[in-house]
Amino acid sequence: MPPLFRRRRTDPQPVEPRTVLLATDGREPFSPEAIERAAALASPGGVAVLAIAKISGTQFGLPHPGLMPTKDEVDLRRGWIADAIAELERVGVDADGQLAATRKAIKLIARVAVARSVEHVVVDEGTSRGVRLMIEGDTGKDVQRRLRRLKGSANVIVVPRT
């Protein structure tokens, strides 16, 4: 098939440097406190907003269509991104957004932070406690650990939920 008729599978990923990455692992929307904190740290480079649509797993080592995020899940996360960008732009902060689908949210957040050369990664405090926290992990701590492995210099800021 000639390149003229080939369909693009994904949009080009934004790569311009930003000061702050406002990220969610896809379990909860951005809190107003996290958006406010990202706006306060954004000067002068702006904010990159990232939301993850979780791929549930694999079957026989291969991605399976039934495990991909549904259209409703993707639309919900796009709404989270649009709301965060609107709030950031309302207070005069330059912002852009990105939605990604992956099985490994923490790894992707860290890779985006390194690729965008951010100084701060702002994430909400998780709502999990007890055994569920042990299984799912703590997003802030896990992103910090992954950034150390990738030699990233971003400061991870975990915003408590009220």
Protein backbone atom coordinates (compact mmCIF):
# COMPACT_ATOMS: atom_id res chain seq x y z
CA MET A 1 0.00 0.00 0.00
CA PRO A 2 1.49 3.38 -0.93
CA PRO A 3 2.32 5.72 1.97
CA LEU A 4 -0.31 8.17 0.71
CA PHE A 5 -3.13 5.84 1.79
CA ARG A 6 -1.62 4.46 4.98
CA ARG A 7 -3.70 5.22 8.08
CA ARG A 8 -1.94 6.75 11.08
CA ARG A 9 -2.39 4.56 14.12
CA THR A 10 -1.56 7.24 16.71
CA ASP A 11 -1.20 10.97 16.96
CA PRO A 12 2.31 12.38 17.23
CA GLN A 13 3.28 12.64 20.87
CA PRO A 14 4.04 16.11 22.25
CA VAL A 15 7.74 16.48 23.04
CA GLU A 16 8.26 20.18 23.76
CA PRO A 17 9.69 20.77 27.24
CA ARG A 18 7.36 21.76 30.07
CA THR A 19 8.00 22.77 33.68
CA VAL A 20 5.31 20.56 35.25
CA LEU A 21 3.71 17.22 34.41
CA LEU A 22 0.25 16.82 35.97
CA ALA A 23 -0.41 13.09 35.82
CA THR A 24 -2.99 10.52 36.86
CA ASP A 25 -2.71 6.76 36.63
CA GLY A 26 -6.32 6.62 35.42
CA ARG A 27 -8.00 5.46 38.63
CA GLU A 28 -9.20 8.90 39.80
CA PRO A 29 -9.66 12.30 38.08
CA PHE A 30 -7.41 15.26 38.83
CA SER A 31 -8.27 16.95 42.11
CA PRO A 32 -8.69 20.75 42.21
CA GLU A 33 -5.76 20.86 44.68
CA ALA A 34 -3.45 19.07 42.22
CA ILE A 35 -4.44 21.41 39.38
CA GLU A 36 -3.88 24.41 41.65
CA ARG A 37 -0.46 23.10 42.71
CA ALA A 38 0.56 22.46 39.08
CA ALA A 39 -0.50 26.00 38.15
CA ALA A 40 1.57 27.44 41.00
CA LEU A 41 4.69 25.56 39.84
CA ALA A 42 4.18 26.12 36.10
CA SER A 43 6.03 29.37 35.58
CA PRO A 44 7.56 29.80 32.96
CA GLY A 45 7.32 26.58 30.94
CA GLY A 46 3.69 25.54 31.32
CA VAL A 47 2.01 22.28 32.25
CA ALA A 48 1.71 18.96 30.43
CA VAL A 49 -1.41 17.03 31.47
CA LEU A 50 -1.27 13.22 31.20
CA ALA A 51 -4.02 10.68 31.84
CA ILE A 52 -3.71 6.92 31.47
CA ALA A 53 -6.36 4.58 30.08
CA LYS A 54 -5.43 1.19 31.55
CA ILE A 55 -5.07 -1.86 29.35
CA SER A 56 -6.16 -4.75 31.55
CA GLY A 57 -3.63 -7.38 30.52
CA THR A 58 -2.73 -9.87 27.81
CA GLN A 59 -3.87 -13.21 26.56
CA PHE A 60 -1.13 -15.65 25.51
CA GLY A 61 1.37 -12.79 25.69
CA LEU A 62 -0.45 -10.73 23.07
CA PRO A 63 -2.73 -7.72 23.51
CA HIS A 64 -6.37 -8.78 23.29
CA PRO A 65 -9.11 -6.40 22.05
CA GLY A 66 -11.39 -7.31 24.95
CA LEU A 67 -8.77 -6.06 27.41
CA MET A 68 -8.38 -2.62 25.84
CA PRO A 69 -10.03 0.40 27.48
CA THR A 70 -13.60 0.92 26.34
CA LYS A 71 -14.74 4.00 24.42
CA ASP A 72 -16.51 5.25 27.57
CA GLU A 73 -13.31 4.92 29.63
CA VAL A 74 -11.31 6.79 26.98
CA ASP A 75 -13.95 9.54 26.72
CA LEU A 76 -14.03 9.89 30.51
CA ARG A 77 -10.27 10.42 30.67
CA ARG A 78 -10.39 12.86 27.75
CA GLY A 79 -12.91 14.83 29.80
CA TRP A 80 -10.52 14.84 32.78
CA ILE A 81 -7.77 16.21 30.54
CA ALA A 82 -10.05 18.86 28.98
CA ASP A 83 -11.28 19.99 32.42
CA ALA A 84 -7.71 20.27 33.77
CA ILE A 85 -6.52 22.22 30.72
CA ALA A 86 -9.52 24.56 30.91
CA GLU A 87 -8.85 25.26 34.59
CA LEU A 88 -5.12 25.85 33.97
CA GLU A 89 -5.80 28.17 31.05
CA ARG A 90 -8.41 30.02 33.15
CA VAL A 91 -5.63 31.03 35.56
CA GLY A 92 -3.31 31.95 32.67
CA VAL A 93 -1.09 28.85 32.45
CA ASP A 94 -0.10 27.40 29.08
CA ALA A 95 -1.10 23.71 29.02
CA ASP A 96 -1.38 20.75 26.68
CA GLY A 97 -2.78 17.28 27.20
CA GLN A 98 -2.03 13.69 26.34
CA LEU A 99 -4.03 10.48 26.74
CA ALA A 100 -2.12 7.22 26.69
CA ALA A 101 -3.21 3.59 26.88
CA THR A 102 -0.81 1.22 28.60
CA ARG A 103 -0.56 -1.70 31.00
CA LYS A 104 2.25 -0.01 32.95
CA ALA A 105 1.03 3.45 33.98
CA ILE A 106 3.92 4.28 36.33
CA LYS A 107 6.53 3.43 33.72
CA LEU A 108 4.78 5.61 31.12
CA ILE A 109 4.41 8.58 33.49
CA ALA A 110 8.14 8.44 34.21
CA ARG A 111 9.04 8.12 30.52
CA VAL A 112 6.86 11.11 29.62
CA ALA A 113 8.45 13.14 32.45
CA VAL A 114 11.92 12.41 31.09
CA ALA A 115 10.91 13.00 27.45
CA ARG A 116 9.28 16.35 28.28
CA SER A 117 12.21 17.43 30.56
CA VAL A 118 9.88 18.41 33.38
CA GLU A 119 11.10 19.77 36.72
CA HIS A 120 8.06 18.64 38.73
CA VAL A 121 5.62 15.74 38.46
CA VAL A 122 2.35 16.46 40.32
CA VAL A 123 0.18 13.44 41.19
CA ASP A 124 -2.78 13.02 43.53
CA GLU A 125 -2.47 10.92 46.64
CA GLY A 126 -3.96 7.49 46.07
CA THR A 127 -7.18 6.43 47.73
CA SER A 128 -6.08 2.83 48.29
CA ARG A 129 -5.36 1.57 51.79
CA GLY A 130 -4.26 -1.71 53.35
CA VAL A 131 -3.96 -4.76 51.13
CA ARG A 132 -5.22 -2.89 48.08
CA LEU A 133 -2.38 -0.35 48.48
CA MET A 134 0.10 -3.22 48.70
CA ILE A 135 -1.24 -4.74 45.45
CA GLU A 136 -1.81 -1.56 43.40
CA GLY A 137 1.09 0.46 44.79
CA ASP A 138 1.48 4.14 45.64
CA THR A 139 1.64 6.24 42.46
CA GLY A 140 3.85 8.98 43.88
CA LYS A 141 6.45 6.65 45.39
CA ASP A 142 6.47 4.37 42.36
CA VAL A 143 6.95 7.26 39.90
CA GLN A 144 9.82 8.59 42.03
CA ARG A 145 11.46 5.14 42.07
CA ARG A 146 11.06 4.78 38.28
CA LEU A 147 12.49 8.27 37.66
CA ARG A 148 15.58 7.37 39.69
CA ARG A 149 16.09 4.32 37.46
CA LEU A 150 15.72 6.45 34.32
CA LYS A 151 18.11 9.08 35.71
CA GLY A 152 15.31 11.64 35.64
CA SER A 153 15.74 14.74 37.77
CA ALA A 154 12.07 15.62 38.24
CA ASN A 155 10.71 16.25 41.73
CA VAL A 156 7.56 14.20 42.43
CA ILE A 157 4.92 16.12 44.40
CA VAL A 158 2.08 14.08 45.88
CA VAL A 159 -0.95 16.26 46.60
CA PRO A 160 -3.15 14.98 49.45
CA ARG A 161 -6.84 14.58 48.66
CA THR A 162 -9.23 16.48 50.87
